[in-house]
C-alpha cells in the first residue's frame, strides 16, 4: 500500500508534518513497514481540503487530530489488519 501525504505549503501550514510523524509512529507500532510505503508529495491540488493524503491513489483529507482514527478506520482495513 502506498500512502502519500502532501507537504506543500498549504498542507504544511495545516499540519502535514505532525500527520507524517504520527503515521510513521503508527506504522512502526503495528510493524507494517513492509506493507505500507509512506511518502511525501508537493501540492496535490486540493489545498482547501486540509492535509491531503492519498491511499493507493484515493484522496482523503486528514488533520493531525484525526490521524489515529484515519489509520484505524481507513488504512488498517485496506491491508487486512485488525483495528488498533
N, C-alpha and C. Protein backbone atom coordinates (compact mmCIF):
# COMPACT_ATOMS: atom_id res chain seq x y z
N UNK A 1 0.85 -1.18 0.00
CA UNK A 1 0.00 0.00 0.00
C UNK A 1 0.89 1.23 0.00
N UNK A 2 0.48 2.22 -0.78
CA UNK A 2 1.23 3.48 -0.82
C UNK A 2 0.39 4.59 -0.21
N UNK A 3 0.93 5.22 0.83
CA UNK A 3 0.29 6.35 1.50
C UNK A 3 1.15 7.57 1.24
N UNK A 4 0.55 8.59 0.63
CA UNK A 4 1.28 9.81 0.29
C UNK A 4 0.64 11.00 0.99
N UNK A 5 1.46 11.79 1.65
CA UNK A 5 0.99 12.97 2.38
C UNK A 5 1.52 14.20 1.67
N UNK A 6 0.63 15.16 1.40
CA UNK A 6 1.06 16.42 0.79
C UNK A 6 1.89 17.21 1.80
N UNK A 7 3.03 17.69 1.35
CA UNK A 7 3.88 18.52 2.20
C UNK A 7 4.08 19.90 1.58
N UNK A 8 3.16 20.25 0.67
CA UNK A 8 3.19 21.59 0.07
C UNK A 8 2.88 22.64 1.11
N UNK A 9 3.04 23.90 0.77
CA UNK A 9 2.93 24.98 1.76
C UNK A 9 1.57 25.04 2.45
N UNK A 10 0.48 24.90 1.75
CA UNK A 10 -0.85 24.98 2.37
C UNK A 10 -1.06 23.82 3.35
N UNK A 11 -0.73 22.62 2.94
CA UNK A 11 -0.88 21.46 3.83
C UNK A 11 0.12 21.52 4.99
N UNK A 12 1.30 22.06 4.73
CA UNK A 12 2.28 22.21 5.80
C UNK A 12 1.72 23.11 6.91
N UNK A 13 1.10 24.21 6.50
CA UNK A 13 0.51 25.14 7.47
C UNK A 13 -0.61 24.46 8.25
N UNK A 14 -1.33 23.54 7.60
CA UNK A 14 -2.45 22.86 8.25
C UNK A 14 -2.03 21.63 9.05
N UNK A 15 -0.73 21.31 9.06
CA UNK A 15 -0.24 20.25 9.93
C UNK A 15 0.27 18.99 9.27
N UNK A 16 0.78 19.09 8.06
CA UNK A 16 1.26 17.86 7.41
C UNK A 16 2.43 17.21 8.15
N UNK A 17 3.27 18.00 8.77
CA UNK A 17 4.41 17.40 9.49
C UNK A 17 3.93 16.49 10.63
N UNK A 18 3.03 16.96 11.53
CA UNK A 18 2.54 16.05 12.57
C UNK A 18 1.77 14.86 12.00
N UNK A 19 1.10 15.04 10.86
CA UNK A 19 0.40 13.92 10.22
C UNK A 19 1.42 12.85 9.82
N UNK A 20 2.50 13.26 9.16
CA UNK A 20 3.55 12.33 8.74
C UNK A 20 4.16 11.64 9.97
N UNK A 21 4.49 12.42 10.98
CA UNK A 21 5.12 11.85 12.18
C UNK A 21 4.23 10.82 12.85
N UNK A 22 2.94 11.13 12.97
CA UNK A 22 2.02 10.18 13.60
C UNK A 22 1.85 8.92 12.76
N UNK A 23 1.77 9.07 11.46
CA UNK A 23 1.66 7.89 10.59
C UNK A 23 2.92 7.03 10.70
N UNK A 24 4.09 7.66 10.76
CA UNK A 24 5.33 6.90 10.93
C UNK A 24 5.30 6.10 12.23
N UNK A 25 4.85 6.73 13.31
CA UNK A 25 4.77 6.06 14.61
C UNK A 25 3.78 4.91 14.59
N UNK A 26 2.61 5.12 13.99
CA UNK A 26 1.60 4.06 13.95
C UNK A 26 2.05 2.89 13.07
N UNK A 27 2.68 3.18 11.95
CA UNK A 27 3.19 2.12 11.08
C UNK A 27 4.24 1.30 11.82
N UNK A 28 5.14 1.97 12.53
CA UNK A 28 6.18 1.26 13.30
C UNK A 28 5.56 0.47 14.45
N UNK A 29 4.62 1.06 15.15
CA UNK A 29 3.97 0.39 16.29
C UNK A 29 3.29 -0.90 15.85
N UNK A 30 2.63 -0.85 14.70
CA UNK A 30 1.93 -2.03 14.18
C UNK A 30 2.84 -2.94 13.34
N UNK A 31 4.13 -2.56 13.22
CA UNK A 31 5.12 -3.32 12.46
C UNK A 31 4.67 -3.57 11.02
N UNK A 32 4.25 -2.50 10.36
CA UNK A 32 3.73 -2.59 9.00
C UNK A 32 4.65 -1.96 7.96
N UNK A 33 5.92 -1.77 8.32
CA UNK A 33 6.87 -1.13 7.40
C UNK A 33 6.99 -1.90 6.09
N UNK A 34 6.77 -3.21 6.12
CA UNK A 34 6.89 -4.00 4.90
C UNK A 34 5.61 -3.97 4.06
N UNK A 35 4.52 -3.44 4.62
CA UNK A 35 3.25 -3.40 3.90
C UNK A 35 2.82 -2.00 3.47
N UNK A 36 3.38 -0.97 4.13
CA UNK A 36 2.97 0.41 3.84
C UNK A 36 4.18 1.24 3.45
N UNK A 37 4.09 1.85 2.29
CA UNK A 37 5.12 2.78 1.84
C UNK A 37 4.59 4.19 2.08
N UNK A 38 5.22 4.92 3.00
CA UNK A 38 4.82 6.28 3.33
C UNK A 38 5.73 7.25 2.61
N UNK A 39 5.13 8.19 1.88
CA UNK A 39 5.94 9.16 1.14
C UNK A 39 5.29 10.53 1.20
N UNK A 40 6.03 11.52 0.76
CA UNK A 40 5.54 12.88 0.71
C UNK A 40 5.44 13.34 -0.74
N UNK A 41 4.60 14.34 -0.96
CA UNK A 41 4.41 14.89 -2.30
C UNK A 41 4.12 16.37 -2.17
N UNK A 42 4.55 17.13 -3.14
CA UNK A 42 4.16 18.53 -3.13
C UNK A 42 2.76 18.65 -3.69
N UNK A 43 2.21 19.79 -3.71
CA UNK A 43 0.80 20.08 -3.96
C UNK A 43 0.03 19.02 -4.74
N UNK A 44 -1.08 18.59 -4.13
CA UNK A 44 -1.98 17.62 -4.76
C UNK A 44 -3.18 18.31 -5.40
N UNK A 45 -3.20 19.65 -5.32
CA UNK A 45 -4.23 20.42 -5.98
C UNK A 45 -5.55 20.57 -5.24
N UNK A 46 -5.59 20.15 -4.00
CA UNK A 46 -6.83 20.28 -3.22
C UNK A 46 -6.52 21.02 -1.92
N UNK A 47 -5.87 22.14 -2.06
CA UNK A 47 -5.33 22.90 -0.93
C UNK A 47 -6.37 23.29 0.13
N UNK A 48 -7.57 23.52 -0.28
CA UNK A 48 -8.60 23.96 0.67
C UNK A 48 -9.15 22.83 1.52
N UNK A 49 -8.79 21.59 1.21
CA UNK A 49 -9.38 20.45 1.88
C UNK A 49 -8.50 19.88 2.99
N UNK A 50 -7.65 20.68 3.57
CA UNK A 50 -6.87 20.20 4.71
C UNK A 50 -5.60 19.53 4.28
N UNK A 51 -5.03 18.74 5.15
CA UNK A 51 -3.84 17.98 4.80
C UNK A 51 -4.29 16.86 3.86
N UNK A 52 -3.80 16.92 2.64
CA UNK A 52 -4.20 15.95 1.63
C UNK A 52 -3.38 14.67 1.76
N UNK A 53 -4.07 13.54 1.78
CA UNK A 53 -3.42 12.23 1.89
C UNK A 53 -4.07 11.32 0.85
N UNK A 54 -3.25 10.56 0.14
CA UNK A 54 -3.80 9.54 -0.73
C UNK A 54 -3.37 8.17 -0.23
N UNK A 55 -4.29 7.23 -0.35
CA UNK A 55 -4.02 5.83 -0.03
C UNK A 55 -4.27 5.06 -1.31
N UNK A 56 -3.21 4.56 -1.90
CA UNK A 56 -3.29 3.89 -3.20
C UNK A 56 -4.09 4.72 -4.20
N UNK A 57 -3.82 6.03 -4.20
CA UNK A 57 -4.44 6.94 -5.16
C UNK A 57 -5.79 7.50 -4.75
N UNK A 58 -6.38 7.00 -3.68
CA UNK A 58 -7.68 7.51 -3.21
C UNK A 58 -7.46 8.67 -2.24
N UNK A 59 -8.14 9.80 -2.49
CA UNK A 59 -7.92 11.03 -1.73
C UNK A 59 -8.66 11.05 -0.40
N UNK A 60 -7.97 11.58 0.63
CA UNK A 60 -8.56 11.82 1.95
C UNK A 60 -8.06 13.16 2.47
N UNK A 61 -8.88 13.80 3.29
CA UNK A 61 -8.47 15.00 3.99
C UNK A 61 -8.26 14.60 5.45
N UNK A 62 -7.06 14.83 5.96
CA UNK A 62 -6.69 14.37 7.30
C UNK A 62 -6.14 15.55 8.09
N UNK A 63 -6.48 15.62 9.35
CA UNK A 63 -5.90 16.64 10.24
C UNK A 63 -5.01 15.91 11.24
N UNK A 64 -4.12 16.65 11.92
CA UNK A 64 -3.30 15.99 12.93
C UNK A 64 -4.16 15.28 13.99
N UNK A 65 -5.31 15.85 14.29
CA UNK A 65 -6.19 15.26 15.31
C UNK A 65 -6.88 13.98 14.84
N UNK A 66 -7.07 13.86 13.53
CA UNK A 66 -7.81 12.70 13.01
C UNK A 66 -6.92 11.53 12.57
N UNK A 67 -5.61 11.66 12.71
CA UNK A 67 -4.71 10.60 12.23
C UNK A 67 -5.00 9.24 12.87
N UNK A 68 -5.13 9.12 14.20
CA UNK A 68 -5.38 7.79 14.77
C UNK A 68 -6.64 7.13 14.21
N UNK A 69 -7.71 7.89 14.11
CA UNK A 69 -8.95 7.36 13.57
C UNK A 69 -8.80 7.00 12.09
N UNK A 70 -8.15 7.86 11.32
CA UNK A 70 -7.90 7.61 9.91
C UNK A 70 -7.10 6.32 9.73
N UNK A 71 -6.08 6.14 10.53
CA UNK A 71 -5.24 4.95 10.44
C UNK A 71 -6.06 3.70 10.75
N UNK A 72 -6.84 3.79 11.81
CA UNK A 72 -7.64 2.63 12.26
C UNK A 72 -8.77 2.29 11.29
N UNK A 73 -9.47 3.31 10.80
CA UNK A 73 -10.67 3.07 10.01
C UNK A 73 -10.44 3.00 8.50
N UNK A 74 -9.31 3.55 8.03
CA UNK A 74 -9.06 3.57 6.59
C UNK A 74 -7.89 2.70 6.20
N UNK A 75 -6.76 2.88 6.85
CA UNK A 75 -5.56 2.17 6.42
C UNK A 75 -5.57 0.70 6.84
N UNK A 76 -5.80 0.43 8.12
CA UNK A 76 -5.74 -0.96 8.58
C UNK A 76 -6.69 -1.89 7.84
N UNK A 77 -7.96 -1.51 7.65
CA UNK A 77 -8.85 -2.43 6.92
C UNK A 77 -8.41 -2.70 5.49
N UNK A 78 -7.77 -1.72 4.85
CA UNK A 78 -7.33 -1.90 3.45
C UNK A 78 -6.20 -2.90 3.33
N UNK A 79 -5.46 -3.13 4.42
CA UNK A 79 -4.40 -4.12 4.36
C UNK A 79 -4.76 -5.39 5.14
N UNK A 80 -6.00 -5.46 5.56
CA UNK A 80 -6.50 -6.66 6.23
C UNK A 80 -6.02 -6.83 7.65
N UNK A 81 -5.76 -5.71 8.33
CA UNK A 81 -5.31 -5.78 9.73
C UNK A 81 -6.46 -5.42 10.66
N UNK A 82 -6.33 -5.85 11.86
CA UNK A 82 -7.30 -5.51 12.90
C UNK A 82 -7.14 -4.05 13.27
N UNK A 83 -8.14 -3.50 13.94
CA UNK A 83 -8.06 -2.12 14.41
C UNK A 83 -7.08 -2.03 15.56
N UNK A 84 -6.51 -0.82 15.73
CA UNK A 84 -5.54 -0.56 16.80
C UNK A 84 -6.25 -0.65 18.13
